[in-house]
Amino acid sequence: MTKAELRKALRAARREHVAALPEQVRALVFHRPPAPLLERVPEVAAIGLYVAHPHEAPAASYARFFAERGHAVALPRFATREAPMEFALHTDPFGESDLVEGPFAIRQPAADAEAIEPQVLFMPLLGFTDRGDRLGQGGGHYDRWLAAHPDTLRIGLAWDSQLVGELPVEPHDMPLDLVVTPTRLYGPF
């Protein structure tokens, strides 16, 4: 199966999984990072998160959690569809009043928000293995950013159903350090 075919199948499986979850359950998961993960997060680290699509593992509660603990919270920002991904300060994780529509139809910090480099990065994914391999959306934005920032703690947020036995891994694919699901913490790898 090609990566494109695998992405299509994993998107469909993720969509079905999320659709089957009662809304009350979706509201409770990913509310607070697990304690073993928090032990790996330095007290002064800037935390990179993302604005989740409807079927991705939600990250908004983590943004609020880390902001309440005094961490700077950053979200991906793109100047254009062709521009490299950067991270910018997310100043309102409770109301999201600081976010604007970005070039990929994803809300992101405004152009005047301060650019920052997170030391800890939570990222979405389509699939992952119990060895830390990750399959993303296919744009390579996270892989390129991580290659330029190799000391970043790399954490995937996923539904349990996104665990797969194997993924096609290429030299440019950056592995994860940890994966958090609603029921388990995988890693460190």
N, C-alpha and C. Protein backbone atom coordinates (compact mmCIF):
# COMPACT_ATOMS: atom_id res chain seq x y z
N MET A 1 0.84 -1.18 0.00
CA MET A 1 0.00 0.00 0.00
C MET A 1 0.89 1.25 0.00
N THR A 2 0.60 2.20 -0.85
CA THR A 2 1.37 3.44 -0.91
C THR A 2 1.02 4.32 0.29
N LYS A 3 1.86 5.33 0.52
CA LYS A 3 1.57 6.26 1.62
C LYS A 3 0.24 6.97 1.38
N ALA A 4 -0.05 7.33 0.14
CA ALA A 4 -1.31 8.02 -0.17
C ALA A 4 -2.50 7.12 0.13
N GLU A 5 -2.41 5.85 -0.25
CA GLU A 5 -3.50 4.90 0.03
C GLU A 5 -3.64 4.68 1.53
N LEU A 6 -2.51 4.58 2.21
CA LEU A 6 -2.53 4.39 3.66
C LEU A 6 -3.15 5.60 4.35
N ARG A 7 -2.79 6.81 3.90
CA ARG A 7 -3.38 8.02 4.49
C ARG A 7 -4.90 8.01 4.32
N LYS A 8 -5.36 7.65 3.13
CA LYS A 8 -6.80 7.62 2.87
C LYS A 8 -7.50 6.63 3.80
N ALA A 9 -6.92 5.44 3.95
CA ALA A 9 -7.51 4.42 4.83
C ALA A 9 -7.48 4.86 6.29
N LEU A 10 -6.38 5.46 6.72
CA LEU A 10 -6.27 5.89 8.11
C LEU A 10 -7.20 7.07 8.41
N ARG A 11 -7.37 7.98 7.45
CA ARG A 11 -8.33 9.07 7.65
C ARG A 11 -9.74 8.53 7.84
N ALA A 12 -10.12 7.56 7.01
CA ALA A 12 -11.45 6.97 7.10
C ALA A 12 -11.63 6.25 8.43
N ALA A 13 -10.63 5.49 8.85
CA ALA A 13 -10.72 4.76 10.12
C ALA A 13 -10.81 5.74 11.30
N ARG A 14 -10.04 6.82 11.24
CA ARG A 14 -10.07 7.81 12.33
C ARG A 14 -11.45 8.48 12.36
N ARG A 15 -11.98 8.84 11.21
CA ARG A 15 -13.29 9.48 11.13
C ARG A 15 -14.37 8.56 11.73
N GLU A 16 -14.33 7.27 11.39
CA GLU A 16 -15.30 6.31 11.93
C GLU A 16 -15.15 6.16 13.44
N HIS A 17 -13.91 6.12 13.91
CA HIS A 17 -13.65 5.98 15.35
C HIS A 17 -14.24 7.17 16.12
N VAL A 18 -13.95 8.37 15.65
CA VAL A 18 -14.42 9.57 16.34
C VAL A 18 -15.94 9.67 16.27
N ALA A 19 -16.52 9.33 15.14
CA ALA A 19 -17.98 9.39 15.00
C ALA A 19 -18.67 8.43 15.96
N ALA A 20 -18.02 7.33 16.31
CA ALA A 20 -18.62 6.34 17.21
C ALA A 20 -18.50 6.74 18.69
N LEU A 21 -17.67 7.73 18.99
CA LEU A 21 -17.50 8.16 20.39
C LEU A 21 -18.65 9.07 20.81
N PRO A 22 -19.25 8.81 21.96
CA PRO A 22 -20.25 9.76 22.48
C PRO A 22 -19.60 11.12 22.72
N GLU A 23 -20.33 12.18 22.49
CA GLU A 23 -19.79 13.53 22.64
C GLU A 23 -19.25 13.76 24.06
N GLN A 24 -19.90 13.16 25.07
CA GLN A 24 -19.44 13.33 26.46
C GLN A 24 -18.04 12.72 26.64
N VAL A 25 -17.78 11.62 25.96
CA VAL A 25 -16.46 10.99 26.06
C VAL A 25 -15.42 11.87 25.38
N ARG A 26 -15.74 12.39 24.20
CA ARG A 26 -14.79 13.26 23.48
C ARG A 26 -14.43 14.49 24.31
N ALA A 27 -15.38 14.98 25.12
CA ALA A 27 -15.12 16.15 25.96
C ALA A 27 -14.17 15.84 27.11
N LEU A 28 -14.07 14.58 27.50
CA LEU A 28 -13.25 14.20 28.65
C LEU A 28 -11.82 13.80 28.30
N VAL A 29 -11.60 13.31 27.10
CA VAL A 29 -10.27 12.81 26.75
C VAL A 29 -9.32 13.96 26.44
N PHE A 30 -8.05 13.70 26.61
CA PHE A 30 -6.99 14.68 26.37
C PHE A 30 -7.23 15.95 27.18
N HIS A 31 -7.73 15.78 28.40
CA HIS A 31 -8.01 16.92 29.26
C HIS A 31 -6.75 17.41 29.97
N ARG A 32 -5.89 16.45 30.36
CA ARG A 32 -4.68 16.77 31.11
C ARG A 32 -3.60 15.78 30.70
N PRO A 33 -2.37 16.25 30.45
CA PRO A 33 -1.31 15.32 30.10
C PRO A 33 -1.04 14.34 31.24
N PRO A 34 -0.68 13.08 30.92
CA PRO A 34 -0.38 12.11 31.97
C PRO A 34 0.88 12.49 32.76
N ALA A 35 0.90 12.13 34.02
CA ALA A 35 2.01 12.49 34.92
C ALA A 35 3.37 12.06 34.39
N PRO A 36 3.55 10.84 33.86
CA PRO A 36 4.89 10.47 33.36
C PRO A 36 5.36 11.38 32.22
N LEU A 37 4.44 11.89 31.43
CA LEU A 37 4.82 12.82 30.37
C LEU A 37 5.23 14.16 30.99
N LEU A 38 4.47 14.63 31.96
CA LEU A 38 4.78 15.91 32.59
C LEU A 38 6.16 15.91 33.24
N GLU A 39 6.60 14.75 33.70
CA GLU A 39 7.94 14.65 34.30
C GLU A 39 9.03 14.96 33.28
N ARG A 40 8.74 14.84 32.00
CA ARG A 40 9.72 15.09 30.94
C ARG A 40 9.68 16.52 30.41
N VAL A 41 8.71 17.31 30.87
CA VAL A 41 8.53 18.68 30.37
C VAL A 41 9.24 19.65 31.31
N PRO A 42 10.30 20.32 30.84
CA PRO A 42 10.98 21.31 31.69
C PRO A 42 10.03 22.43 32.12
N GLU A 43 10.25 22.95 33.32
CA GLU A 43 9.36 23.97 33.88
C GLU A 43 9.25 25.22 33.02
N VAL A 44 10.30 25.58 32.33
CA VAL A 44 10.29 26.83 31.56
C VAL A 44 10.12 26.58 30.06
N ALA A 45 9.82 25.37 29.66
CA ALA A 45 9.72 25.05 28.23
C ALA A 45 8.53 25.73 27.58
N ALA A 46 8.74 26.21 26.36
CA ALA A 46 7.63 26.66 25.52
C ALA A 46 7.01 25.39 24.93
N ILE A 47 5.69 25.37 24.88
CA ILE A 47 4.95 24.18 24.44
C ILE A 47 4.30 24.44 23.10
N GLY A 48 4.60 23.63 22.11
CA GLY A 48 3.96 23.72 20.81
C GLY A 48 2.78 22.77 20.74
N LEU A 49 1.65 23.27 20.27
CA LEU A 49 0.45 22.47 20.12
C LEU A 49 -0.13 22.74 18.74
N TYR A 50 -1.38 22.41 18.53
CA TYR A 50 -2.02 22.62 17.22
C TYR A 50 -3.51 22.83 17.43
N VAL A 51 -4.16 23.40 16.44
CA VAL A 51 -5.61 23.52 16.42
C VAL A 51 -6.12 22.30 15.67
N ALA A 52 -6.86 21.45 16.36
CA ALA A 52 -7.26 20.16 15.80
C ALA A 52 -8.40 20.28 14.80
N HIS A 53 -8.31 19.48 13.75
CA HIS A 53 -9.44 19.25 12.85
C HIS A 53 -10.47 18.44 13.63
N PRO A 54 -11.71 18.35 13.15
CA PRO A 54 -12.76 17.64 13.91
C PRO A 54 -12.44 16.19 14.27
N HIS A 55 -11.63 15.49 13.50
CA HIS A 55 -11.36 14.09 13.79
C HIS A 55 -9.99 13.85 14.42
N GLU A 56 -9.17 14.88 14.53
CA GLU A 56 -7.87 14.73 15.17
C GLU A 56 -8.03 14.70 16.69
N ALA A 57 -7.04 14.15 17.34
CA ALA A 57 -7.02 14.20 18.81
C ALA A 57 -7.03 15.67 19.23
N PRO A 58 -7.94 16.05 20.11
CA PRO A 58 -8.05 17.47 20.49
C PRO A 58 -6.85 17.91 21.34
N ALA A 59 -6.42 19.15 21.10
CA ALA A 59 -5.26 19.68 21.82
C ALA A 59 -5.59 20.93 22.63
N ALA A 60 -6.81 21.44 22.54
CA ALA A 60 -7.17 22.70 23.19
C ALA A 60 -7.05 22.63 24.72
N SER A 61 -7.43 21.50 25.31
CA SER A 61 -7.33 21.39 26.78
C SER A 61 -5.87 21.39 27.22
N TYR A 62 -4.99 20.79 26.43
CA TYR A 62 -3.57 20.83 26.76
C TYR A 62 -3.06 22.27 26.69
N ALA A 63 -3.53 23.04 25.71
CA ALA A 63 -3.10 24.44 25.61
C ALA A 63 -3.49 25.20 26.87
N ARG A 64 -4.72 25.01 27.32
CA ARG A 64 -5.17 25.68 28.54
C ARG A 64 -4.39 25.19 29.76
N PHE A 65 -4.16 23.87 29.84
CA PHE A 65 -3.43 23.29 30.96
C PHE A 65 -2.03 23.90 31.07
N PHE A 66 -1.29 23.92 29.96
CA PHE A 66 0.07 24.42 30.01
C PHE A 66 0.10 25.94 30.24
N ALA A 67 -0.85 26.67 29.70
CA ALA A 67 -0.91 28.11 29.95
C ALA A 67 -1.14 28.38 31.44
N GLU A 68 -2.02 27.60 32.07
CA GLU A 68 -2.26 27.77 33.51
C GLU A 68 -1.02 27.45 34.33
N ARG A 69 -0.17 26.59 33.82
CA ARG A 69 1.08 26.26 34.53
C ARG A 69 2.18 27.26 34.26
N GLY A 70 1.91 28.29 33.45
CA GLY A 70 2.89 29.34 33.20
C GLY A 70 3.77 29.13 31.98
N HIS A 71 3.50 28.11 31.19
CA HIS A 71 4.28 27.88 29.97
C HIS A 71 3.81 28.80 28.85
N ALA A 72 4.74 29.22 28.02
CA ALA A 72 4.36 29.89 26.77
C ALA A 72 3.80 28.79 25.86
N VAL A 73 2.67 29.06 25.22
CA VAL A 73 2.04 28.10 24.32
C VAL A 73 2.13 28.66 22.91
N ALA A 74 2.55 27.81 21.98
CA ALA A 74 2.71 28.22 20.59
C ALA A 74 1.91 27.31 19.67
N LEU A 75 1.47 27.87 18.57
CA LEU A 75 0.75 27.12 17.54
C LEU A 75 1.44 27.32 16.20
N PRO A 76 1.27 26.36 15.27
CA PRO A 76 1.84 26.54 13.94
C PRO A 76 1.25 27.76 13.24
N ARG A 77 2.10 28.40 12.43
CA ARG A 77 1.66 29.54 11.63
C ARG A 77 2.35 29.46 10.28
N PHE A 78 1.58 29.76 9.25
CA PHE A 78 2.08 29.78 7.88
C PHE A 78 1.78 31.15 7.28
N ALA A 79 2.77 31.79 6.66
CA ALA A 79 2.55 33.07 5.98
C ALA A 79 1.77 32.83 4.69
N THR A 80 2.11 31.74 3.98
CA THR A 80 1.43 31.33 2.75
C THR A 80 1.42 29.81 2.73
N ARG A 81 0.74 29.22 1.76
CA ARG A 81 0.72 27.76 1.64
C ARG A 81 2.12 27.20 1.33
N GLU A 82 2.96 27.99 0.70
CA GLU A 82 4.30 27.54 0.33
C GLU A 82 5.35 27.85 1.40
N ALA A 83 5.01 28.68 2.35
CA ALA A 83 5.97 29.10 3.38
C ALA A 83 6.24 27.98 4.36
N PRO A 84 7.44 27.98 4.96
CA PRO A 84 7.71 26.97 6.00
C PRO A 84 6.86 27.23 7.24
N MET A 85 6.61 26.15 7.97
CA MET A 85 5.87 26.26 9.22
C MET A 85 6.76 26.91 10.27
N GLU A 86 6.17 27.83 11.01
CA GLU A 86 6.84 28.39 12.18
C GLU A 86 5.83 28.33 13.32
N PHE A 87 6.28 28.62 14.52
CA PHE A 87 5.39 28.64 15.67
C PHE A 87 5.33 30.06 16.22
N ALA A 88 4.12 30.43 16.65
CA ALA A 88 3.91 31.76 17.20
C ALA A 88 3.10 31.65 18.48
N LEU A 89 3.31 32.62 19.33
CA LEU A 89 2.68 32.65 20.66
C LEU A 89 1.16 32.66 20.55
N HIS A 90 0.55 31.77 21.32
CA HIS A 90 -0.92 31.68 21.42
C HIS A 90 -1.28 32.27 22.78
N THR A 91 -1.78 33.49 22.77
CA THR A 91 -1.98 34.23 24.02
C THR A 91 -3.33 34.01 24.67
N ASP A 92 -4.29 33.39 23.96
CA ASP A 92 -5.63 33.23 24.51
C ASP A 92 -6.15 31.81 24.29
N PRO A 93 -5.57 30.82 25.00
CA PRO A 93 -6.05 29.46 24.81
C PRO A 93 -7.45 29.20 25.37
N PHE A 94 -8.00 30.14 26.10
CA PHE A 94 -9.35 29.96 26.66
C PHE A 94 -10.42 30.47 25.70
N GLY A 95 -10.19 31.59 25.03
CA GLY A 95 -11.18 32.15 24.12
C GLY A 95 -10.76 32.10 22.66
N GLU A 96 -9.47 31.87 22.42
CA GLU A 96 -8.90 31.81 21.06
C GLU A 96 -9.15 33.08 20.26
N SER A 97 -9.25 34.22 20.96
CA SER A 97 -9.49 35.50 20.29
C SER A 97 -8.26 35.98 19.51
N ASP A 98 -7.10 35.38 19.75
CA ASP A 98 -5.87 35.79 19.08
C ASP A 98 -5.63 35.03 17.78
N LEU A 99 -6.55 34.16 17.37
CA LEU A 99 -6.34 33.33 16.19
C LEU A 99 -7.08 33.89 14.98
N VAL A 100 -6.47 33.69 13.81
CA VAL A 100 -7.05 34.10 12.53
C VAL A 100 -7.02 32.91 11.59
N GLU A 101 -7.79 32.98 10.53
CA GLU A 101 -7.79 31.92 9.51
C GLU A 101 -6.47 31.95 8.74
N GLY A 102 -5.80 30.78 8.67
CA GLY A 102 -4.55 30.68 7.95
C GLY A 102 -4.75 30.18 6.53
N PRO A 103 -3.66 30.07 5.77
CA PRO A 103 -3.76 29.66 4.37
C PRO A 103 -4.25 28.23 4.16
N PHE A 104 -4.23 27.39 5.18
CA PHE A 104 -4.73 26.01 5.06
C PHE A 104 -6.12 25.87 5.68
N ALA A 105 -6.80 26.99 5.89
CA ALA A 105 -8.13 27.01 6.52
C ALA A 105 -8.08 26.45 7.94
N ILE A 106 -6.97 26.68 8.61
CA ILE A 106 -6.78 26.30 10.01
C ILE A 106 -6.50 27.58 10.78
N ARG A 107 -7.12 27.71 11.93
CA ARG A 107 -6.88 28.91 12.73
C ARG A 107 -5.45 28.90 13.27
N GLN A 108 -4.84 30.06 13.24
CA GLN A 108 -3.45 30.21 13.65
C GLN A 108 -3.23 31.58 14.26
N PRO A 109 -2.10 31.77 14.99
CA PRO A 109 -1.81 33.10 15.53
C PRO A 109 -1.67 34.12 14.40
N ALA A 110 -2.06 35.35 14.68
CA ALA A 110 -1.99 36.42 13.70
C ALA A 110 -0.54 36.71 13.31
N ALA A 111 -0.37 37.42 12.21
CA ALA A 111 0.96 37.72 11.68
C ALA A 111 1.82 38.51 12.66
N ASP A 112 1.18 39.30 13.54
CA ASP A 112 1.96 40.11 14.49
C ASP A 112 2.27 39.38 15.81
N ALA A 113 1.82 38.12 15.94
CA ALA A 113 2.13 37.34 17.15
C ALA A 113 3.61 36.99 17.16
N GLU A 114 4.19 37.02 18.33
CA GLU A 114 5.62 36.74 18.50
C GLU A 114 5.94 35.31 18.08
N ALA A 115 6.96 35.16 17.23
CA ALA A 115 7.45 33.84 16.83
C ALA A 115 8.27 33.26 17.99
N ILE A 116 8.01 32.00 18.32
CA ILE A 116 8.79 31.32 19.36
C ILE A 116 9.06 29.89 18.92
N GLU A 117 10.10 29.31 19.50
CA GLU A 117 10.47 27.93 19.19
C GLU A 117 10.15 27.04 20.39
N PRO A 118 9.16 26.17 20.24
CA PRO A 118 8.83 25.29 21.37
C PRO A 118 9.94 24.27 21.61
N GLN A 119 10.16 23.96 22.88
CA GLN A 119 11.09 22.89 23.25
C GLN A 119 10.36 21.55 23.36
N VAL A 120 9.04 21.62 23.52
CA VAL A 120 8.19 20.44 23.59
C VAL A 120 7.10 20.63 22.54
N LEU A 121 6.94 19.64 21.66
CA LEU A 121 5.98 19.78 20.56
C LEU A 121 5.01 18.60 20.53
N PHE A 122 3.73 18.92 20.70
CA PHE A 122 2.65 17.95 20.53
C PHE A 122 2.14 18.10 19.11
N MET A 123 1.99 16.97 18.41
CA MET A 123 1.56 17.06 17.02
C MET A 123 0.50 16.03 16.68
N PRO A 124 -0.33 16.37 15.69
CA PRO A 124 -1.35 15.42 15.24
C PRO A 124 -0.72 14.38 14.33
N LEU A 125 -1.49 13.34 14.04
CA LEU A 125 -0.99 12.30 13.15
C LEU A 125 -2.16 11.50 12.59
N LEU A 126 -1.87 10.74 11.56
CA LEU A 126 -2.86 9.82 11.00
C LEU A 126 -2.67 8.42 11.55
N GLY A 127 -1.41 8.03 11.75
CA GLY A 127 -1.11 6.71 12.28
C GLY A 127 0.23 6.74 13.00
N PHE A 128 0.42 5.76 13.91
CA PHE A 128 1.69 5.64 14.62
C PHE A 128 1.93 4.18 14.95
N THR A 129 3.20 3.86 15.21
CA THR A 129 3.56 2.51 15.63
C THR A 129 4.02 2.55 17.08
N ASP A 130 4.13 1.37 17.69
CA ASP A 130 4.61 1.31 19.08
C ASP A 130 6.12 1.48 19.16
N ARG A 131 6.75 1.87 18.05
CA ARG A 131 8.17 2.19 18.01
C ARG A 131 8.42 3.69 17.79
N GLY A 132 7.33 4.47 17.68
CA GLY A 132 7.48 5.91 17.52
C GLY A 132 7.43 6.41 16.09
N ASP A 133 7.16 5.54 15.13
CA ASP A 133 6.99 6.00 13.75
C ASP A 133 5.67 6.75 13.66
N ARG A 134 5.64 7.79 12.83
CA ARG A 134 4.45 8.64 12.68
C ARG A 134 4.16 8.85 11.21
N LEU A 135 2.89 8.78 10.86
CA LEU A 135 2.45 9.15 9.52
C LEU A 135 1.57 10.37 9.67
N GLY A 136 2.00 11.49 9.06
CA GLY A 136 1.24 12.73 9.13
C GLY A 136 0.37 12.92 7.90
N GLN A 137 -0.07 14.14 7.71
CA GLN A 137 -0.99 14.46 6.62
C GLN A 137 -0.34 14.39 5.24
N GLY A 138 0.98 14.46 5.19
CA GLY A 138 1.66 14.33 3.91
C GLY A 138 2.36 15.59 3.42
N GLY A 139 2.19 16.70 4.11
CA GLY A 139 2.84 17.94 3.68
C GLY A 139 4.29 18.03 4.11
N GLY A 140 4.71 17.25 5.09
CA GLY A 140 6.09 17.26 5.57
C GLY A 140 6.44 18.45 6.45
N HIS A 141 5.46 19.25 6.83
CA HIS A 141 5.75 20.46 7.61
C HIS A 141 6.41 20.13 8.95
N TYR A 142 5.86 19.16 9.68
CA TYR A 142 6.44 18.81 10.98
C TYR A 142 7.81 18.16 10.81
N ASP A 143 7.97 17.28 9.82
CA ASP A 143 9.27 16.64 9.61
C ASP A 143 10.35 17.68 9.32
N ARG A 144 10.06 18.64 8.48
CA ARG A 144 11.06 19.68 8.17
C ARG A 144 11.36 20.53 9.40
N TRP A 145 10.31 20.90 10.15
CA TRP A 145 10.55 21.72 11.34
C TRP A 145 11.38 20.94 12.36
N LEU A 146 11.04 19.68 12.58
CA LEU A 146 11.78 18.86 13.56
C LEU A 146 13.21 18.61 13.12
N ALA A 147 13.44 18.44 11.84
CA ALA A 147 14.82 18.25 11.35
C ALA A 147 15.68 19.47 11.67
N ALA A 148 15.08 20.65 11.63
CA ALA A 148 15.81 21.88 11.95
C ALA A 148 15.90 22.13 13.45
N HIS A 149 15.14 21.39 14.25
CA HIS A 149 15.11 21.56 15.71
C HIS A 149 15.21 20.18 16.37
N PRO A 150 16.34 19.50 16.23
CA PRO A 150 16.45 18.10 16.66
C PRO A 150 16.35 17.86 18.16
N ASP A 151 16.52 18.88 18.98
CA ASP A 151 16.47 18.69 20.43
C ASP A 151 15.05 18.81 21.00
N THR A 152 14.07 19.04 20.15
CA THR A 152 12.69 19.20 20.59
C THR A 152 12.13 17.86 21.05
N LEU A 153 11.44 17.86 22.18
CA LEU A 153 10.72 16.67 22.64
C LEU A 153 9.49 16.51 21.75
N ARG A 154 9.39 15.38 21.02
CA ARG A 154 8.37 15.16 19.99
C ARG A 154 7.30 14.20 20.52
N ILE A 155 6.06 14.72 20.64
CA ILE A 155 4.97 13.94 21.23
C ILE A 155 3.78 13.92 20.28
N GLY A 156 3.30 12.74 19.96
CA GLY A 156 2.11 12.61 19.14
C GLY A 156 0.88 12.51 20.02
N LEU A 157 -0.21 13.10 19.57
CA LEU A 157 -1.52 12.93 20.22
C LEU A 157 -2.38 12.13 19.25
N ALA A 158 -2.96 11.03 19.73
CA ALA A 158 -3.69 10.14 18.82
C ALA A 158 -4.81 9.41 19.54
N TRP A 159 -5.76 8.94 18.76
CA TRP A 159 -6.77 8.02 19.26
C TRP A 159 -6.14 6.63 19.29
N ASP A 160 -6.60 5.78 20.20
CA ASP A 160 -6.06 4.41 20.29
C ASP A 160 -6.17 3.68 18.96
N SER A 161 -7.21 3.95 18.20
CA SER A 161 -7.43 3.26 16.93
C SER A 161 -6.39 3.62 15.86
N GLN A 162 -5.56 4.63 16.11
CA GLN A 162 -4.56 5.04 15.12
C GLN A 162 -3.26 4.24 15.22
N LEU A 163 -3.15 3.37 16.20
CA LEU A 163 -1.98 2.50 16.31
C LEU A 163 -2.02 1.47 15.19
N VAL A 164 -0.91 1.35 14.46
CA VAL A 164 -0.78 0.38 13.38
C VAL A 164 0.50 -0.43 13.60
N GLY A 165 0.55 -1.61 12.99
CA GLY A 165 1.72 -2.46 13.15
C GLY A 165 2.95 -1.96 12.43
N GLU A 166 2.77 -1.44 11.23
CA GLU A 166 3.89 -0.98 10.40
C GLU A 166 3.49 0.29 9.66
N LEU A 167 4.48 1.13 9.41
CA LEU A 167 4.32 2.30 8.56
C LEU A 167 5.51 2.37 7.62
N PRO A 168 5.29 2.83 6.40
CA PRO A 168 6.45 3.05 5.52
C PRO A 168 7.24 4.25 6.03
N VAL A 169 8.49 4.03 6.36
CA VAL A 169 9.33 5.09 6.91
C VAL A 169 10.42 5.43 5.91
N GLU A 170 10.57 6.72 5.65
CA GLU A 170 11.59 7.22 4.75
C GLU A 170 12.62 8.00 5.57
N PRO A 171 13.81 8.22 5.01
CA PRO A 171 14.87 8.89 5.78
C PRO A 171 14.47 10.25 6.36
N HIS A 172 13.58 10.98 5.70
CA HIS A 172 13.20 12.31 6.19
C HIS A 172 12.12 12.25 7.27
N ASP A 173 11.51 11.09 7.51
CA ASP A 173 10.46 10.96 8.52
C ASP A 173 11.06 11.02 9.92
N MET A 174 10.60 11.97 10.70
CA MET A 174 11.12 12.17 12.05
C MET A 174 10.31 11.33 13.04
N PRO A 175 10.98 10.50 13.84
CA PRO A 175 10.26 9.67 14.82
C PRO A 175 9.79 10.50 16.02
N LEU A 176 8.84 9.93 16.72
CA LEU A 176 8.31 10.55 17.94
C LEU A 176 9.07 10.05 19.15
N ASP A 177 9.05 10.82 20.23
CA ASP A 177 9.62 10.39 21.50
C ASP A 177 8.56 9.70 22.35
N LEU A 178 7.31 10.17 22.24
CA LEU A 178 6.19 9.65 23.01
C LEU A 178 4.91 9.79 22.18
N VAL A 179 3.93 8.97 22.50
CA VAL A 179 2.59 9.12 21.92
C VAL A 179 1.59 9.00 23.06
N VAL A 180 0.65 9.95 23.13
CA VAL A 180 -0.40 9.94 24.13
C VAL A 180 -1.71 9.58 23.45
N THR A 181 -2.41 8.58 23.99
CA THR A 181 -3.75 8.24 23.53
C THR A 181 -4.68 8.38 24.75
N PRO A 182 -5.97 8.26 24.56
CA PRO A 182 -6.88 8.36 25.72
C PRO A 182 -6.64 7.30 26.79
N THR A 183 -6.01 6.19 26.42
CA THR A 183 -5.84 5.10 27.40
C THR A 183 -4.40 4.75 27.73
N ARG A 184 -3.44 5.35 27.01
CA ARG A 184 -2.07 4.87 27.19
C ARG A 184 -1.05 5.92 26.78
N LEU A 185 0.13 5.81 27.38
CA LEU A 185 1.29 6.58 26.99
C LEU A 185 2.29 5.61 26.39
N TYR A 186 2.65 5.81 25.13
CA TYR A 186 3.64 4.97 24.47
C TYR A 186 4.98 5.68 24.52
N GLY A 187 6.04 4.93 24.80
CA GLY A 187 7.38 5.49 24.82
C GLY A 187 7.85 5.69 26.26
N PRO A 188 9.02 6.23 26.44
CA PRO A 188 9.87 6.79 25.40
C PRO A 188 10.44 5.71 24.47
N PHE A 189 10.60 6.14 23.23
CA PHE A 189 11.13 5.22 22.21
C PHE A 189 12.62 5.34 22.10
